[in-house]
All heavy atoms as atom14 arrays in JSON, in Angstrom:
{
  "sequence": "IYWFDKFQAQQNGRRIPEATLHLLEALGGWPGA",
  "atom14_mask": [
    [1, 1, 1, 1, 1, 1, 1, 1, 0, 0, 0, 0, 0, 0],
    [1, 1, 1, 1, 1, 1, 1, 1, 1, 1, 1, 1, 0, 0],
    [1, 1, 1, 1, 1, 1, 1, 1, 1, 1, 1, 1, 1, 1],
    [1, 1, 1, 1, 1, 1, 1, 1, 1, 1, 1, 0, 0, 0],
    [1, 1, 1, 1, 1, 1, 1, 1, 0, 0, 0, 0, 0, 0],
    [1, 1, 1, 1, 1, 1, 1, 1, 1, 0, 0, 0, 0, 0],
    [1, 1, 1, 1, 1, 1, 1, 1, 1, 1, 1, 0, 0, 0],
    [1, 1, 1, 1, 1, 1, 1, 1, 1, 0, 0, 0, 0, 0],
    [1, 1, 1, 1, 1, 0, 0, 0, 0, 0, 0, 0, 0, 0],
    [1, 1, 1, 1, 1, 1, 1, 1, 1, 0, 0, 0, 0, 0],
    [1, 1, 1, 1, 1, 1, 1, 1, 1, 0, 0, 0, 0, 0],
    [1, 1, 1, 1, 1, 1, 1, 1, 0, 0, 0, 0, 0, 0],
    [1, 1, 1, 1, 0, 0, 0, 0, 0, 0, 0, 0, 0, 0],
    [1, 1, 1, 1, 1, 1, 1, 1, 1, 1, 1, 0, 0, 0],
    [1, 1, 1, 1, 1, 1, 1, 1, 1, 1, 1, 0, 0, 0],
    [1, 1, 1, 1, 1, 1, 1, 1, 0, 0, 0, 0, 0, 0],
    [1, 1, 1, 1, 1, 1, 1, 0, 0, 0, 0, 0, 0, 0],
    [1, 1, 1, 1, 1, 1, 1, 1, 1, 0, 0, 0, 0, 0],
    [1, 1, 1, 1, 1, 0, 0, 0, 0, 0, 0, 0, 0, 0],
    [1, 1, 1, 1, 1, 1, 1, 0, 0, 0, 0, 0, 0, 0],
    [1, 1, 1, 1, 1, 1, 1, 1, 0, 0, 0, 0, 0, 0],
    [1, 1, 1, 1, 1, 1, 1, 1, 1, 1, 0, 0, 0, 0],
    [1, 1, 1, 1, 1, 1, 1, 1, 0, 0, 0, 0, 0, 0],
    [1, 1, 1, 1, 1, 1, 1, 1, 0, 0, 0, 0, 0, 0],
    [1, 1, 1, 1, 1, 1, 1, 1, 1, 0, 0, 0, 0, 0],
    [1, 1, 1, 1, 1, 0, 0, 0, 0, 0, 0, 0, 0, 0],
    [1, 1, 1, 1, 1, 1, 1, 1, 0, 0, 0, 0, 0, 0],
    [1, 1, 1, 1, 0, 0, 0, 0, 0, 0, 0, 0, 0, 0],
    [1, 1, 1, 1, 0, 0, 0, 0, 0, 0, 0, 0, 0, 0],
    [1, 1, 1, 1, 1, 1, 1, 1, 1, 1, 1, 1, 1, 1],
    [1, 1, 1, 1, 1, 1, 1, 0, 0, 0, 0, 0, 0, 0],
    [1, 1, 1, 1, 0, 0, 0, 0, 0, 0, 0, 0, 0, 0],
    [1, 1, 1, 1, 1, 0, 0, 0, 0, 0, 0, 0, 0, 0]
  ],
  "atom14_positions": [
    [[-7.82, -3.57, -1.67], [-7.38, -3.04, -0.38], [-5.85, -2.96, -0.29], [-5.3, -1.99, 0.25], [-8.0, -3.83, 0.79], [-9.5, -3.5, 0.82], [-7.35, -3.52, 2.12], [-10.31, -4.26, 1.83], [0.0, 0.0, 0.0], [0.0, 0.0, 0.0], [0.0, 0.0, 0.0], [0.0, 0.0, 0.0], [0.0, 0.0, 0.0], [0.0, 0.0, 0.0]],
    [[-5.15, -3.93, -0.88], [-3.68, -3.84, -0.97], [-3.29, -2.61, -1.79], [-2.37, -1.9, -1.44], [-3.13, -5.09, -1.65], [-2.63, -6.17, -0.72], [-3.49, -6.99, -0.02], [-1.26, -6.4, -0.57], [-3.02, -8.0, 0.83], [-0.77, -7.4, 0.25], [-1.67, -8.2, 0.93], [-1.18, -9.18, 1.76], [0.0, 0.0, 0.0], [0.0, 0.0, 0.0]],
    [[-3.99, -2.41, -2.93], [-3.68, -1.26, -3.77], [-3.89, 0.02, -2.99], [-3.05, 0.92, -3.02], [-4.58, -1.26, -5.03], [-4.36, -0.02, -5.84], [-3.41, 0.19, -6.78], [-5.11, 1.18, -5.72], [-3.49, 1.48, -7.26], [-4.55, 2.11, -6.63], [-6.18, 1.58, -4.94], [-5.04, 3.41, -6.76], [-6.67, 2.88, -5.09], [-6.08, 3.76, -6.02]],
    [[-5.0, 0.1, -2.25], [-5.29, 1.31, -1.48], [-4.24, 1.5, -0.4], [-3.79, 2.63, -0.15], [-6.68, 1.2, -0.86], [-7.08, 2.45, -0.06], [-7.38, 3.63, -0.71], [-7.06, 2.42, 1.32], [-7.71, 4.76, 0.02], [-7.4, 3.53, 2.05], [-7.73, 4.71, 1.4], [0.0, 0.0, 0.0], [0.0, 0.0, 0.0], [0.0, 0.0, 0.0]],
    [[-3.84, 0.43, 0.26], [-2.81, 0.53, 1.3], [-1.49, 1.01, 0.72], [-0.79, 1.85, 1.31], [-2.62, -0.83, 2.0], [-1.69, -0.71, 3.2], [-1.95, 0.12, 4.08], [-0.71, -1.49, 3.23], [0.0, 0.0, 0.0], [0.0, 0.0, 0.0], [0.0, 0.0, 0.0], [0.0, 0.0, 0.0], [0.0, 0.0, 0.0], [0.0, 0.0, 0.0]],
    [[-1.11, 0.52, -0.44], [0.12, 0.97, -1.08], [-0.01, 2.45, -1.45], [0.92, 3.23, -1.24], [0.44, 0.15, -2.33], [1.64, 0.72, -3.06], [2.45, -0.27, -3.74], [3.68, 0.45, -4.34], [4.7, -0.45, -4.68], [0.0, 0.0, 0.0], [0.0, 0.0, 0.0], [0.0, 0.0, 0.0], [0.0, 0.0, 0.0], [0.0, 0.0, 0.0]],
    [[-1.14, 2.83, -1.99], [-1.37, 4.24, -2.33], [-1.24, 5.12, -1.09], [-0.59, 6.17, -1.13], [-2.76, 4.41, -2.96], [-3.14, 5.84, -3.25], [-2.61, 6.49, -4.35], [-3.99, 6.52, -2.4], [-2.94, 7.8, -4.61], [-4.33, 7.84, -2.65], [-3.82, 8.5, -3.77], [0.0, 0.0, 0.0], [0.0, 0.0, 0.0], [0.0, 0.0, 0.0]],
    [[-1.86, 4.7, 0.01], [-1.78, 5.45, 1.25], [-0.35, 5.52, 1.76], [0.08, 6.56, 2.27], [-2.68, 4.83, 2.31], [-4.16, 5.01, 2.06], [-4.59, 6.47, 2.13], [-4.56, 7.19, 1.12], [-4.97, 6.93, 3.3], [0.0, 0.0, 0.0], [0.0, 0.0, 0.0], [0.0, 0.0, 0.0], [0.0, 0.0, 0.0], [0.0, 0.0, 0.0]],
    [[0.41, 4.44, 1.6], [1.81, 4.44, 2.02], [2.62, 5.44, 1.23], [3.45, 6.19, 1.79], [2.42, 3.05, 1.87], [0.0, 0.0, 0.0], [0.0, 0.0, 0.0], [0.0, 0.0, 0.0], [0.0, 0.0, 0.0], [0.0, 0.0, 0.0], [0.0, 0.0, 0.0], [0.0, 0.0, 0.0], [0.0, 0.0, 0.0], [0.0, 0.0, 0.0]],
    [[2.36, 5.54, -0.07], [3.09, 6.49, -0.91], [2.71, 7.94, -0.62], [3.51, 8.85, -0.81], [2.81, 6.19, -2.39], [3.4, 4.88, -2.84], [2.91, 4.48, -4.22], [1.82, 4.85, -4.68], [3.72, 3.66, -4.9], [0.0, 0.0, 0.0], [0.0, 0.0, 0.0], [0.0, 0.0, 0.0], [0.0, 0.0, 0.0], [0.0, 0.0, 0.0]],
    [[1.48, 8.15, -0.13], [1.0, 9.49, 0.17], [1.17, 9.85, 1.66], [0.7, 10.92, 2.07], [-0.5, 9.6, -0.18], [-0.83, 9.28, -1.62], [-0.14, 10.21, -2.6], [-0.09, 11.4, -2.39], [0.44, 9.64, -3.65], [0.0, 0.0, 0.0], [0.0, 0.0, 0.0], [0.0, 0.0, 0.0], [0.0, 0.0, 0.0], [0.0, 0.0, 0.0]],
    [[1.8, 8.95, 2.41], [1.93, 9.11, 3.87], [0.56, 9.26, 4.55], [0.4, 10.04, 5.47], [2.84, 10.3, 4.23], [4.27, 10.05, 3.86], [4.75, 8.9, 4.03], [4.97, 11.03, 3.37], [0.0, 0.0, 0.0], [0.0, 0.0, 0.0], [0.0, 0.0, 0.0], [0.0, 0.0, 0.0], [0.0, 0.0, 0.0], [0.0, 0.0, 0.0]],
    [[-0.41, 8.56, 4.02], [-1.76, 8.59, 4.54], [-2.02, 7.5, 5.57], [-1.12, 6.76, 5.96], [0.0, 0.0, 0.0], [0.0, 0.0, 0.0], [0.0, 0.0, 0.0], [0.0, 0.0, 0.0], [0.0, 0.0, 0.0], [0.0, 0.0, 0.0], [0.0, 0.0, 0.0], [0.0, 0.0, 0.0], [0.0, 0.0, 0.0], [0.0, 0.0, 0.0]],
    [[-3.25, 7.41, 5.98], [-3.68, 6.4, 6.95], [-3.68, 5.02, 6.3], [-4.33, 4.77, 5.29], [-5.06, 6.73, 7.47], [-5.5, 5.87, 8.62], [-6.84, 6.32, 9.1], [-7.32, 5.45, 10.12], [-7.44, 5.78, 11.41], [-7.18, 7.0, 11.77], [-7.87, 4.9, 12.27], [0.0, 0.0, 0.0], [0.0, 0.0, 0.0], [0.0, 0.0, 0.0]],
    [[-2.95, 4.07, 6.9], [-2.74, 2.75, 6.33], [-3.82, 1.77, 6.82], [-4.49, 1.98, 7.81], [-1.39, 2.2, 6.76], [-0.21, 3.08, 6.4], [0.15, 3.01, 4.93], [0.44, 1.66, 4.48], [1.61, 1.05, 4.62], [2.63, 1.68, 5.16], [1.78, -0.19, 4.18], [0.0, 0.0, 0.0], [0.0, 0.0, 0.0], [0.0, 0.0, 0.0]],
    [[-3.98, 0.69, 6.05], [-4.85, -0.4, 6.44], [-4.1, -1.26, 7.47], [-2.95, -1.63, 7.2], [-5.21, -1.28, 5.22], [-5.83, -0.44, 4.11], [-6.11, -2.43, 5.61], [-7.15, 0.2, 4.43], [0.0, 0.0, 0.0], [0.0, 0.0, 0.0], [0.0, 0.0, 0.0], [0.0, 0.0, 0.0], [0.0, 0.0, 0.0], [0.0, 0.0, 0.0]],
    [[-4.69, -1.56, 8.62], [-3.97, -2.4, 9.6], [-3.63, -3.77, 9.01], [-4.44, -4.36, 8.28], [-4.98, -2.54, 10.76], [-5.93, -1.4, 10.57], [-6.0, -1.13, 9.09], [0.0, 0.0, 0.0], [0.0, 0.0, 0.0], [0.0, 0.0, 0.0], [0.0, 0.0, 0.0], [0.0, 0.0, 0.0], [0.0, 0.0, 0.0], [0.0, 0.0, 0.0]],
    [[-2.44, -4.26, 9.35], [-2.03, -5.57, 8.86], [-3.01, -6.66, 9.31], [-3.24, -7.61, 8.58], [-0.61, -5.89, 9.29], [0.43, -5.09, 8.54], [1.84, -5.49, 8.84], [2.07, -6.38, 9.72], [2.74, -4.93, 8.22], [0.0, 0.0, 0.0], [0.0, 0.0, 0.0], [0.0, 0.0, 0.0], [0.0, 0.0, 0.0], [0.0, 0.0, 0.0]],
    [[-3.59, -6.52, 10.48], [-4.54, -7.51, 10.97], [-5.76, -7.59, 10.02], [-6.29, -8.71, 9.8], [-5.01, -7.18, 12.38], [0.0, 0.0, 0.0], [0.0, 0.0, 0.0], [0.0, 0.0, 0.0], [0.0, 0.0, 0.0], [0.0, 0.0, 0.0], [0.0, 0.0, 0.0], [0.0, 0.0, 0.0], [0.0, 0.0, 0.0], [0.0, 0.0, 0.0]],
    [[-6.16, -6.49, 9.45], [-7.27, -6.49, 8.47], [-6.89, -7.24, 7.21], [-7.65, -8.04, 6.69], [-7.69, -5.05, 8.13], [-8.07, -4.37, 9.34], [-8.85, -5.01, 7.15], [0.0, 0.0, 0.0], [0.0, 0.0, 0.0], [0.0, 0.0, 0.0], [0.0, 0.0, 0.0], [0.0, 0.0, 0.0], [0.0, 0.0, 0.0], [0.0, 0.0, 0.0]],
    [[-5.65, -6.98, 6.73], [-5.2, -7.68, 5.56], [-5.14, -9.18, 5.8], [-5.57, -9.99, 4.97], [-3.79, -7.15, 5.14], [-3.74, -5.67, 4.71], [-2.31, -5.26, 4.48], [-4.59, -5.41, 3.5], [0.0, 0.0, 0.0], [0.0, 0.0, 0.0], [0.0, 0.0, 0.0], [0.0, 0.0, 0.0], [0.0, 0.0, 0.0], [0.0, 0.0, 0.0]],
    [[-4.61, -9.58, 6.97], [-4.5, -11.01, 7.28], [-5.89, -11.64, 7.45], [-6.07, -12.79, 7.07], [-3.66, -11.22, 8.54], [-2.19, -10.91, 8.33], [-1.48, -11.37, 7.26], [-1.34, -10.17, 9.07], [-0.24, -10.94, 7.34], [-0.12, -10.21, 8.41], [0.0, 0.0, 0.0], [0.0, 0.0, 0.0], [0.0, 0.0, 0.0], [0.0, 0.0, 0.0]],
    [[-6.83, -10.91, 7.99], [-8.19, -11.47, 8.11], [-8.76, -11.76, 6.73], [-9.33, -12.83, 6.49], [-9.08, -10.5, 8.87], [-10.56, -10.91, 8.99], [-10.68, -12.22, 9.8], [-11.37, -9.81, 9.63], [0.0, 0.0, 0.0], [0.0, 0.0, 0.0], [0.0, 0.0, 0.0], [0.0, 0.0, 0.0], [0.0, 0.0, 0.0], [0.0, 0.0, 0.0]],
    [[-8.61, -10.81, 5.82], [-9.1, -11.01, 4.44], [-8.41, -12.17, 3.77], [-9.04, -12.98, 3.06], [-8.92, -9.74, 3.63], [-9.83, -8.58, 3.96], [-9.36, -7.31, 3.32], [-11.27, -8.9, 3.55], [0.0, 0.0, 0.0], [0.0, 0.0, 0.0], [0.0, 0.0, 0.0], [0.0, 0.0, 0.0], [0.0, 0.0, 0.0], [0.0, 0.0, 0.0]],
    [[-7.12, -12.33, 4.0], [-6.35, -13.45, 3.43], [-6.88, -14.78, 3.98], [-7.14, -15.72, 3.22], [-4.87, -13.31, 3.78], [-4.22, -12.11, 3.16], [-2.99, -11.62, 3.91], [-2.55, -12.27, 4.9], [-2.45, -10.59, 3.49], [0.0, 0.0, 0.0], [0.0, 0.0, 0.0], [0.0, 0.0, 0.0], [0.0, 0.0, 0.0], [0.0, 0.0, 0.0]],
    [[-7.07, -14.85, 5.31], [-7.53, -16.07, 5.94], [-8.94, -16.46, 5.51], [-9.28, -17.63, 5.44], [-7.45, -15.95, 7.46], [0.0, 0.0, 0.0], [0.0, 0.0, 0.0], [0.0, 0.0, 0.0], [0.0, 0.0, 0.0], [0.0, 0.0, 0.0], [0.0, 0.0, 0.0], [0.0, 0.0, 0.0], [0.0, 0.0, 0.0], [0.0, 0.0, 0.0]],
    [[-9.78, -15.46, 5.24], [-11.16, -15.72, 4.82], [-11.28, -16.21, 3.37], [-12.33, -16.66, 2.96], [-12.01, -14.47, 5.02], [-12.29, -14.09, 6.48], [-13.03, -12.77, 6.54], [-13.07, -15.19, 7.18], [0.0, 0.0, 0.0], [0.0, 0.0, 0.0], [0.0, 0.0, 0.0], [0.0, 0.0, 0.0], [0.0, 0.0, 0.0], [0.0, 0.0, 0.0]],
    [[-10.21, -16.09, 2.61], [-10.22, -16.56, 1.24], [-9.68, -15.57, 0.22], [-9.66, -15.87, -0.98], [0.0, 0.0, 0.0], [0.0, 0.0, 0.0], [0.0, 0.0, 0.0], [0.0, 0.0, 0.0], [0.0, 0.0, 0.0], [0.0, 0.0, 0.0], [0.0, 0.0, 0.0], [0.0, 0.0, 0.0], [0.0, 0.0, 0.0], [0.0, 0.0, 0.0]],
    [[-9.27, -14.4, 0.63], [-8.72, -13.42, -0.28], [-7.25, -13.55, -0.56], [-6.67, -12.71, -1.23], [0.0, 0.0, 0.0], [0.0, 0.0, 0.0], [0.0, 0.0, 0.0], [0.0, 0.0, 0.0], [0.0, 0.0, 0.0], [0.0, 0.0, 0.0], [0.0, 0.0, 0.0], [0.0, 0.0, 0.0], [0.0, 0.0, 0.0], [0.0, 0.0, 0.0]],
    [[-6.65, -14.64, -0.08], [-5.21, -14.81, -0.27], [-4.77, -14.87, -1.73], [-3.67, -14.34, -2.03], [-4.68, -16.01, 0.52], [-5.14, -17.36, 0.06], [-6.17, -18.07, 0.55], [-4.55, -18.12, -0.99], [-6.29, -19.27, -0.15], [-5.3, -19.3, -1.09], [-3.48, -17.93, -1.87], [-5.02, -20.3, -2.01], [-3.2, -18.92, -2.8], [-3.97, -20.09, -2.85]],
    [[-5.56, -15.4, -2.66], [-5.05, -15.35, -4.06], [-4.92, -13.91, -4.55], [-3.93, -13.56, -5.2], [-6.13, -16.12, -4.86], [-6.71, -17.07, -3.87], [-6.75, -16.26, -2.59], [0.0, 0.0, 0.0], [0.0, 0.0, 0.0], [0.0, 0.0, 0.0], [0.0, 0.0, 0.0], [0.0, 0.0, 0.0], [0.0, 0.0, 0.0], [0.0, 0.0, 0.0]],
    [[-5.88, -13.06, -4.22], [-5.79, -11.65, -4.59], [-4.64, -10.97, -3.89], [-3.95, -10.1, -4.48], [0.0, 0.0, 0.0], [0.0, 0.0, 0.0], [0.0, 0.0, 0.0], [0.0, 0.0, 0.0], [0.0, 0.0, 0.0], [0.0, 0.0, 0.0], [0.0, 0.0, 0.0], [0.0, 0.0, 0.0], [0.0, 0.0, 0.0], [0.0, 0.0, 0.0]],
    [[-4.38, -11.35, -2.63], [-3.26, -10.77, -1.89], [-1.94, -11.18, -2.52], [-1.01, -10.38, -2.64], [-3.33, -11.22, -0.42], [0.0, 0.0, 0.0], [0.0, 0.0, 0.0], [0.0, 0.0, 0.0], [0.0, 0.0, 0.0], [0.0, 0.0, 0.0], [0.0, 0.0, 0.0], [0.0, 0.0, 0.0], [0.0, 0.0, 0.0], [0.0, 0.0, 0.0]]
  ]
}
């Protein structure tokens, strides 16, 4: 999802909300983040 968000940022596309990223981090995805 970080990769997709970066790709979207480079393409000026629709971004992943930061709240979604933080939720995934808090649930246990922080090592991947």
